[in-house]
PDB file of all heavy atoms in Angstrom:
ATOM      1  N   ASN A   1     -16.787  39.657  30.345  1.00  0.00           N
ATOM      2  CA  ASN A   1     -18.178  39.464  30.053  1.00  0.00           C
ATOM      3  C   ASN A   1     -19.020  39.659  31.294  1.00  0.00           C
ATOM      4  O   ASN A   1     -20.098  40.358  31.319  1.00  0.00           O
ATOM      5  CB  ASN A   1     -18.406  38.052  29.461  1.00  0.00           C
ATOM      6  CG  ASN A   1     -19.724  37.909  28.821  1.00  0.00           C
ATOM      7  OD1 ASN A   1     -19.924  38.198  27.631  1.00  0.00           O
ATOM      8  ND2 ASN A   1     -20.682  37.368  29.544  1.00  0.00           N
ATOM      9  N   TYR A   2     -18.584  39.081  32.407  1.00  0.00           N
ATOM     10  CA  TYR A   2     -19.295  39.254  33.724  1.00  0.00           C
ATOM     11  C   TYR A   2     -19.253  40.690  34.176  1.00  0.00           C
ATOM     12  O   TYR A   2     -20.256  41.203  34.655  1.00  0.00           O
ATOM     13  CB  TYR A   2     -18.632  38.382  34.765  1.00  0.00           C
ATOM     14  CG  TYR A   2     -19.052  36.878  34.689  1.00  0.00           C
ATOM     15  CD1 TYR A   2     -18.068  35.933  34.825  1.00  0.00           C
ATOM     16  CD2 TYR A   2     -20.388  36.519  34.600  1.00  0.00           C
ATOM     17  CE1 TYR A   2     -18.441  34.567  34.768  1.00  0.00           C
ATOM     18  CE2 TYR A   2     -20.719  35.174  34.562  1.00  0.00           C
ATOM     19  CZ  TYR A   2     -19.777  34.216  34.660  1.00  0.00           C
ATOM     20  OH  TYR A   2     -20.102  32.876  34.637  1.00  0.00           O
ATOM     21  N   TRP A   3     -18.118  41.375  33.975  1.00  0.00           N
ATOM     22  CA  TRP A   3     -17.986  42.780  34.388  1.00  0.00           C
ATOM     23  C   TRP A   3     -18.984  43.641  33.650  1.00  0.00           C
ATOM     24  O   TRP A   3     -19.695  44.496  34.267  1.00  0.00           O
ATOM     25  CB  TRP A   3     -16.569  43.243  34.151  1.00  0.00           C
ATOM     26  CG  TRP A   3     -16.384  44.730  34.501  1.00  0.00           C
ATOM     27  CD1 TRP A   3     -16.308  45.259  35.731  1.00  0.00           C
ATOM     28  CD2 TRP A   3     -16.201  45.819  33.565  1.00  0.00           C
ATOM     29  NE1 TRP A   3     -16.128  46.608  35.642  1.00  0.00           N
ATOM     30  CE2 TRP A   3     -16.071  47.018  34.371  1.00  0.00           C
ATOM     31  CE3 TRP A   3     -16.176  45.906  32.183  1.00  0.00           C
ATOM     32  CZ2 TRP A   3     -15.871  48.206  33.748  1.00  0.00           C
ATOM     33  CZ3 TRP A   3     -16.008  47.141  31.618  1.00  0.00           C
ATOM     34  CH2 TRP A   3     -15.849  48.265  32.399  1.00  0.00           C
ATOM     35  N   VAL A   4     -19.106  43.455  32.346  1.00  0.00           N
ATOM     36  CA  VAL A   4     -20.047  44.205  31.547  1.00  0.00           C
ATOM     37  C   VAL A   4     -21.499  43.956  31.994  1.00  0.00           C
ATOM     38  O   VAL A   4     -22.313  44.829  32.194  1.00  0.00           O
ATOM     39  CB  VAL A   4     -19.874  43.980  30.093  1.00  0.00           C
ATOM     40  CG1 VAL A   4     -21.004  44.650  29.269  1.00  0.00           C
ATOM     41  CG2 VAL A   4     -18.538  44.502  29.582  1.00  0.00           C
ATOM     42  N   ASP A   5     -21.798  42.653  32.178  1.00  0.00           N
ATOM     43  CA  ASP A   5     -23.142  42.262  32.580  1.00  0.00           C
ATOM     44  C   ASP A   5     -23.577  42.703  33.939  1.00  0.00           C
ATOM     45  O   ASP A   5     -24.699  43.132  34.176  1.00  0.00           O
ATOM     46  CB  ASP A   5     -23.299  40.723  32.463  1.00  0.00           C
ATOM     47  CG  ASP A   5     -23.383  40.218  31.020  1.00  0.00           C
ATOM     48  OD1 ASP A   5     -23.454  41.054  30.090  1.00  0.00           O
ATOM     49  OD2 ASP A   5     -23.331  38.962  30.826  1.00  0.00           O
ATOM     50  N   ILE A   6     -22.586  42.657  34.901  1.00  0.00           N
ATOM     51  CA  ILE A   6     -22.926  42.923  36.285  1.00  0.00           C
ATOM     52  C   ILE A   6     -22.732  44.385  36.697  1.00  0.00           C
ATOM     53  O   ILE A   6     -23.537  44.923  37.495  1.00  0.00           O
ATOM     54  CB  ILE A   6     -22.095  42.010  37.209  1.00  0.00           C
ATOM     55  CG1 ILE A   6     -22.478  40.536  36.994  1.00  0.00           C
ATOM     56  CG2 ILE A   6     -22.273  42.407  38.661  1.00  0.00           C
ATOM     57  CD1 ILE A   6     -21.525  39.573  37.658  1.00  0.00           C
ATOM     58  N   ILE A   7     -21.789  45.055  36.078  1.00  0.00           N
ATOM     59  CA  ILE A   7     -21.473  46.455  36.420  1.00  0.00           C
ATOM     60  C   ILE A   7     -21.996  47.449  35.385  1.00  0.00           C
ATOM     61  O   ILE A   7     -22.704  48.380  35.740  1.00  0.00           O
ATOM     62  CB  ILE A   7     -19.955  46.647  36.607  1.00  0.00           C
ATOM     63  CG1 ILE A   7     -19.424  45.662  37.731  1.00  0.00           C
ATOM     64  CG2 ILE A   7     -19.647  48.061  37.016  1.00  0.00           C
ATOM     65  CD1 ILE A   7     -20.033  45.867  39.044  1.00  0.00           C
ATOM     66  N   ILE A   8     -21.669  47.218  34.190  1.00  0.00           N
ATOM     67  CA  ILE A   8     -21.962  48.226  33.145  1.00  0.00           C
ATOM     68  C   ILE A   8     -23.419  48.218  32.761  1.00  0.00           C
ATOM     69  O   ILE A   8     -24.101  49.279  32.634  1.00  0.00           O
ATOM     70  CB  ILE A   8     -21.058  48.021  31.904  1.00  0.00           C
ATOM     71  CG1 ILE A   8     -19.574  48.212  32.310  1.00  0.00           C
ATOM     72  CG2 ILE A   8     -21.423  49.012  30.795  1.00  0.00           C
ATOM     73  CD1 ILE A   8     -19.253  49.509  32.941  1.00  0.00           C
ATOM     74  N   HIS A   9     -24.000  47.050  32.518  1.00  0.00           N
ATOM     75  CA  HIS A   9     -25.346  47.001  31.955  1.00  0.00           C
ATOM     76  C   HIS A   9     -26.409  47.577  32.948  1.00  0.00           C
ATOM     77  O   HIS A   9     -27.322  48.250  32.472  1.00  0.00           O
ATOM     78  CB  HIS A   9     -25.726  45.565  31.536  1.00  0.00           C
ATOM     79  CG  HIS A   9     -25.646  45.445  29.994  1.00  0.00           C
ATOM     80  ND1 HIS A   9     -26.501  46.073  29.167  1.00  0.00           N
ATOM     81  CD2 HIS A   9     -24.759  44.851  29.305  1.00  0.00           C
ATOM     82  CE1 HIS A   9     -26.190  45.799  27.911  1.00  0.00           C
ATOM     83  NE2 HIS A   9     -25.059  45.048  27.956  1.00  0.00           N
ATOM     84  N   PRO A  10     -26.355  47.278  34.223  1.00  0.00           N
ATOM     85  CA  PRO A  10     -27.331  47.939  35.111  1.00  0.00           C
ATOM     86  C   PRO A  10     -27.222  49.481  35.085  1.00  0.00           C
ATOM     87  O   PRO A  10     -28.264  50.168  35.112  1.00  0.00           O
ATOM     88  CB  PRO A  10     -26.900  47.391  36.510  1.00  0.00           C
ATOM     89  CG  PRO A  10     -26.333  46.072  36.213  1.00  0.00           C
ATOM     90  CD  PRO A  10     -25.544  46.266  34.942  1.00  0.00           C
ATOM     91  N   LEU A  11     -26.021  50.012  34.990  1.00  0.00           N
ATOM     92  CA  LEU A  11     -25.879  51.455  34.904  1.00  0.00           C
ATOM     93  C   LEU A  11     -26.407  51.949  33.525  1.00  0.00           C
ATOM     94  O   LEU A  11     -27.066  53.028  33.469  1.00  0.00           O
ATOM     95  CB  LEU A  11     -24.395  51.835  34.994  1.00  0.00           C
ATOM     96  CG  LEU A  11     -23.795  51.580  36.374  1.00  0.00           C
ATOM     97  CD1 LEU A  11     -22.275  51.782  36.349  1.00  0.00           C
ATOM     98  CD2 LEU A  11     -24.447  52.446  37.482  1.00  0.00           C
ATOM     99  N   LEU A  12     -26.164  51.203  32.463  1.00  0.00           N
ATOM    100  CA  LEU A  12     -26.654  51.621  31.140  1.00  0.00           C
ATOM    101  C   LEU A  12     -28.190  51.533  31.115  1.00  0.00           C
ATOM    102  O   LEU A  12     -28.801  52.455  30.553  1.00  0.00           O
ATOM    103  CB  LEU A  12     -26.045  50.633  30.078  1.00  0.00           C
ATOM    104  CG  LEU A  12     -26.495  50.923  28.616  1.00  0.00           C
ATOM    105  CD1 LEU A  12     -26.193  52.320  28.203  1.00  0.00           C
ATOM    106  CD2 LEU A  12     -25.875  49.918  27.713  1.00  0.00           C
ATOM    107  N   ALA A  13     -28.738  50.486  31.701  1.00  0.00           N
ATOM    108  CA  ALA A  13     -30.216  50.322  31.691  1.00  0.00           C
ATOM    109  C   ALA A  13     -30.804  51.536  32.469  1.00  0.00           C
ATOM    110  O   ALA A  13     -31.867  52.069  31.976  1.00  0.00           O
ATOM    111  CB  ALA A  13     -30.587  49.023  32.356  1.00  0.00           C
ATOM    112  N   LYS A  14     -30.251  51.889  33.553  1.00  0.00           N
ATOM    113  CA  LYS A  14     -30.808  53.031  34.324  1.00  0.00           C
ATOM    114  C   LYS A  14     -30.774  54.342  33.532  1.00  0.00           C
ATOM    115  O   LYS A  14     -31.660  55.149  33.613  1.00  0.00           O
ATOM    116  CB  LYS A  14     -30.100  53.195  35.655  1.00  0.00           C
ATOM    117  CG  LYS A  14     -30.754  54.139  36.608  1.00  0.00           C
ATOM    118  CD  LYS A  14     -30.190  54.005  37.994  1.00  0.00           C
ATOM    119  CE  LYS A  14     -30.894  54.793  39.078  1.00  0.00           C
ATOM    120  NZ  LYS A  14     -31.921  55.742  38.664  1.00  0.00           N
ATOM    121  N   ALA A  15     -29.706  54.447  32.712  1.00  0.00           N
ATOM    122  CA  ALA A  15     -29.579  55.717  31.946  1.00  0.00           C
ATOM    123  C   ALA A  15     -30.492  55.788  30.781  1.00  0.00           C
ATOM    124  O   ALA A  15     -30.883  56.909  30.366  1.00  0.00           O
ATOM    125  CB  ALA A  15     -28.095  55.789  31.499  1.00  0.00           C
ATOM    126  N   ILE A  16     -30.878  54.653  30.138  1.00  0.00           N
ATOM    127  CA  ILE A  16     -31.590  54.769  28.880  1.00  0.00           C
ATOM    128  C   ILE A  16     -32.868  53.931  28.794  1.00  0.00           C
ATOM    129  O   ILE A  16     -33.551  53.991  27.748  1.00  0.00           O
ATOM    130  CB  ILE A  16     -30.654  54.300  27.706  1.00  0.00           C
ATOM    131  CG1 ILE A  16     -30.426  52.815  27.746  1.00  0.00           C
ATOM    132  CG2 ILE A  16     -29.394  55.072  27.725  1.00  0.00           C
ATOM    133  CD1 ILE A  16     -29.749  52.262  26.491  1.00  0.00           C
ATOM    134  N   MET A  17     -33.330  53.243  29.808  1.00  0.00           N
ATOM    135  CA  MET A  17     -34.426  52.384  29.697  1.00  0.00           C
ATOM    136  C   MET A  17     -35.734  53.074  29.220  1.00  0.00           C
ATOM    137  O   MET A  17     -36.473  52.524  28.407  1.00  0.00           O
ATOM    138  CB  MET A  17     -34.742  51.630  31.036  1.00  0.00           C
ATOM    139  CG  MET A  17     -35.675  50.476  30.908  1.00  0.00           C
ATOM    140  SD  MET A  17     -35.172  49.245  29.705  1.00  0.00           S
ATOM    141  CE  MET A  17     -33.564  48.681  30.405  1.00  0.00           C
ATOM    142  N   ILE A  18     -35.987  54.286  29.681  1.00  0.00           N
ATOM    143  CA  ILE A  18     -37.181  55.007  29.215  1.00  0.00           C
ATOM    144  C   ILE A  18     -37.024  55.355  27.742  1.00  0.00           C
ATOM    145  O   ILE A  18     -38.055  55.343  27.003  1.00  0.00           O
ATOM    146  CB  ILE A  18     -37.437  56.247  30.087  1.00  0.00           C
ATOM    147  CG1 ILE A  18     -38.820  56.805  29.793  1.00  0.00           C
ATOM    148  CG2 ILE A  18     -36.348  57.314  29.904  1.00  0.00           C
ATOM    149  CD1 ILE A  18     -39.972  55.922  30.164  1.00  0.00           C
ATOM    150  N   ASP A  19     -35.828  55.628  27.304  1.00  0.00           N
ATOM    151  CA  ASP A  19     -35.631  55.929  25.842  1.00  0.00           C
ATOM    152  C   ASP A  19     -35.854  54.633  25.036  1.00  0.00           C
ATOM    153  O   ASP A  19     -36.455  54.718  23.924  1.00  0.00           O
ATOM    154  CB  ASP A  19     -34.223  56.392  25.602  1.00  0.00           C
ATOM    155  CG  ASP A  19     -33.939  57.718  26.344  1.00  0.00           C
ATOM    156  OD1 ASP A  19     -34.456  58.721  25.870  1.00  0.00           O
ATOM    157  OD2 ASP A  19     -33.259  57.726  27.347  1.00  0.00           O
ATOM    158  N   VAL A  20     -35.403  53.487  25.512  1.00  0.00           N
ATOM    159  CA  VAL A  20     -35.655  52.227  24.845  1.00  0.00           C
ATOM    160  C   VAL A  20     -37.155  52.015  24.650  1.00  0.00           C
ATOM    161  O   VAL A  20     -37.614  51.643  23.570  1.00  0.00           O
ATOM    162  CB  VAL A  20     -35.038  51.068  25.651  1.00  0.00           C
ATOM    163  CG1 VAL A  20     -35.372  49.703  25.025  1.00  0.00           C
ATOM    164  CG2 VAL A  20     -33.506  51.186  25.757  1.00  0.00           C
ATOM    165  N   PHE A  21     -37.887  52.255  25.740  1.00  0.00           N
ATOM    166  CA  PHE A  21     -39.379  52.089  25.664  1.00  0.00           C
ATOM    167  C   PHE A  21     -39.965  53.014  24.601  1.00  0.00           C
ATOM    168  O   PHE A  21     -40.815  52.624  23.830  1.00  0.00           O
ATOM    169  CB  PHE A  21     -39.975  52.365  27.032  1.00  0.00           C
ATOM    170  CG  PHE A  21     -41.442  52.361  27.079  1.00  0.00           C
ATOM    171  CD1 PHE A  21     -42.155  51.150  27.004  1.00  0.00           C
ATOM    172  CD2 PHE A  21     -42.154  53.528  27.166  1.00  0.00           C
ATOM    173  CE1 PHE A  21     -43.557  51.131  27.001  1.00  0.00           C
ATOM    174  CE2 PHE A  21     -43.557  53.519  27.177  1.00  0.00           C
ATOM    175  CZ  PHE A  21     -44.231  52.328  27.145  1.00  0.00           C
ATOM    176  N   GLU A  22     -39.562  54.291  24.614  1.00  0.00           N
ATOM    177  CA  GLU A  22     -40.185  55.245  23.734  1.00  0.00           C
ATOM    178  C   GLU A  22     -39.745  55.157  22.314  1.00  0.00           C
ATOM    179  O   GLU A  22     -40.530  55.327  21.385  1.00  0.00           O
ATOM    180  CB  GLU A  22     -39.845  56.686  24.280  1.00  0.00           C
ATOM    181  CG  GLU A  22     -40.555  56.979  25.624  1.00  0.00           C
ATOM    182  CD  GLU A  22     -40.295  58.395  26.036  1.00  0.00           C
ATOM    183  OE1 GLU A  22     -39.615  59.172  25.343  1.00  0.00           O
ATOM    184  OE2 GLU A  22     -40.772  58.780  27.154  1.00  0.00           O
ATOM    185  N   TYR A  23     -38.454  54.875  22.050  1.00  0.00           N
ATOM    186  CA  TYR A  23     -37.948  54.963  20.700  1.00  0.00           C
ATOM    187  C   TYR A  23     -37.696  53.601  20.042  1.00  0.00           C
ATOM    188  O   TYR A  23     -37.662  53.609  18.793  1.00  0.00           O
ATOM    189  CB  TYR A  23     -36.594  55.697  20.740  1.00  0.00           C
ATOM    190  CG  TYR A  23     -36.675  57.119  21.113  1.00  0.00           C
ATOM    191  CD1 TYR A  23     -36.284  57.564  22.423  1.00  0.00           C
ATOM    192  CD2 TYR A  23     -37.185  58.089  20.298  1.00  0.00           C
ATOM    193  CE1 TYR A  23     -36.342  58.903  22.795  1.00  0.00           C
ATOM    194  CE2 TYR A  23     -37.325  59.447  20.658  1.00  0.00           C
ATOM    195  CZ  TYR A  23     -36.900  59.806  21.939  1.00  0.00           C
ATOM    196  OH  TYR A  23     -36.965  61.152  22.326  1.00  0.00           O
ATOM    197  N   ALA A  24     -37.568  52.546  20.806  1.00  0.00           N
ATOM    198  CA  ALA A  24     -37.079  51.296  20.165  1.00  0.00           C
ATOM    199  C   ALA A  24     -38.069  50.165  20.196  1.00  0.00           C
ATOM    200  O   ALA A  24     -38.131  49.318  19.322  1.00  0.00           O
ATOM    201  CB  ALA A  24     -35.806  50.823  20.816  1.00  0.00           C
ATOM    202  N   VAL A  25     -38.895  50.066  21.230  1.00  0.00           N
ATOM    203  CA  VAL A  25     -39.821  48.892  21.396  1.00  0.00           C
ATOM    204  C   VAL A  25     -40.970  49.064  20.418  1.00  0.00           C
ATOM    205  O   VAL A  25     -41.601  50.157  20.315  1.00  0.00           O
ATOM    206  CB  VAL A  25     -40.299  48.796  22.848  1.00  0.00           C
ATOM    207  CG1 VAL A  25     -41.332  47.733  22.999  1.00  0.00           C
ATOM    208  CG2 VAL A  25     -39.146  48.545  23.795  1.00  0.00           C
ATOM    209  N   ALA A  26     -41.302  47.999  19.735  1.00  0.00           N
ATOM    210  CA  ALA A  26     -42.428  48.024  18.778  1.00  0.00           C
ATOM    211  C   ALA A  26     -43.746  48.325  19.532  1.00  0.00           C
ATOM    212  O   ALA A  26     -43.911  47.914  20.722  1.00  0.00           O
ATOM    213  CB  ALA A  26     -42.578  46.661  18.080  1.00  0.00           C
ATOM    214  N   ASP A  27     -44.641  48.987  18.870  1.00  0.00           N
ATOM    215  CA  ASP A  27     -45.925  49.387  19.505  1.00  0.00           C
ATOM    216  C   ASP A  27     -46.626  48.199  20.143  1.00  0.00           C
ATOM    217  O   ASP A  27     -47.193  48.330  21.233  1.00  0.00           O
ATOM    218  CB  ASP A  27     -46.787  50.105  18.514  1.00  0.00           C
ATOM    219  CG  ASP A  27     -46.252  51.494  18.108  1.00  0.00           C
ATOM    220  OD1 ASP A  27     -45.397  52.033  18.881  1.00  0.00           O
ATOM    221  OD2 ASP A  27     -46.685  52.004  17.037  1.00  0.00           O
ATOM    222  N   GLN A  28     -46.698  47.073  19.473  1.00  0.00           N
ATOM    223  CA  GLN A  28     -47.420  45.926  19.953  1.00  0.00           C
ATOM    224  C   GLN A  28     -46.740  45.308  21.162  1.00  0.00           C
ATOM    225  O   GLN A  28     -47.336  44.438  21.838  1.00  0.00           O
ATOM    226  CB  GLN A  28     -47.643  44.906  18.849  1.00  0.00           C
ATOM    227  CG  GLN A  28     -46.375  44.309  18.220  1.00  0.00           C
ATOM    228  CD  GLN A  28     -45.930  45.060  16.977  1.00  0.00           C
ATOM    229  OE1 GLN A  28     -45.920  46.310  16.982  1.00  0.00           O
ATOM    230  NE2 GLN A  28     -45.671  44.321  15.892  1.00  0.00           N
ATOM    231  N   ASP A  29     -45.508  45.699  21.449  1.00  0.00           N
ATOM    232  CA  ASP A  29     -44.752  45.105  22.564  1.00  0.00           C
ATOM    233  C   ASP A  29     -44.682  46.049  23.781  1.00  0.00           C
ATOM    234  O   ASP A  29     -44.173  45.665  24.781  1.00  0.00           O
ATOM    235  CB  ASP A  29     -43.368  44.730  22.130  1.00  0.00           C
ATOM    236  CG  ASP A  29     -43.341  43.472  21.250  1.00  0.00           C
ATOM    237  OD1 ASP A  29     -44.267  42.735  21.262  1.00  0.00           O
ATOM    238  OD2 ASP A  29     -42.286  43.239  20.596  1.00  0.00           O
TER     239      ASP A  29
END
């Protein structure tokens, strides 16, 4: 659990965060 949170998730966030903003976040948020 720590490995995924500390190693994998920061890499995943860097790869897709702009997509999350554009495709997934509700307009009001």
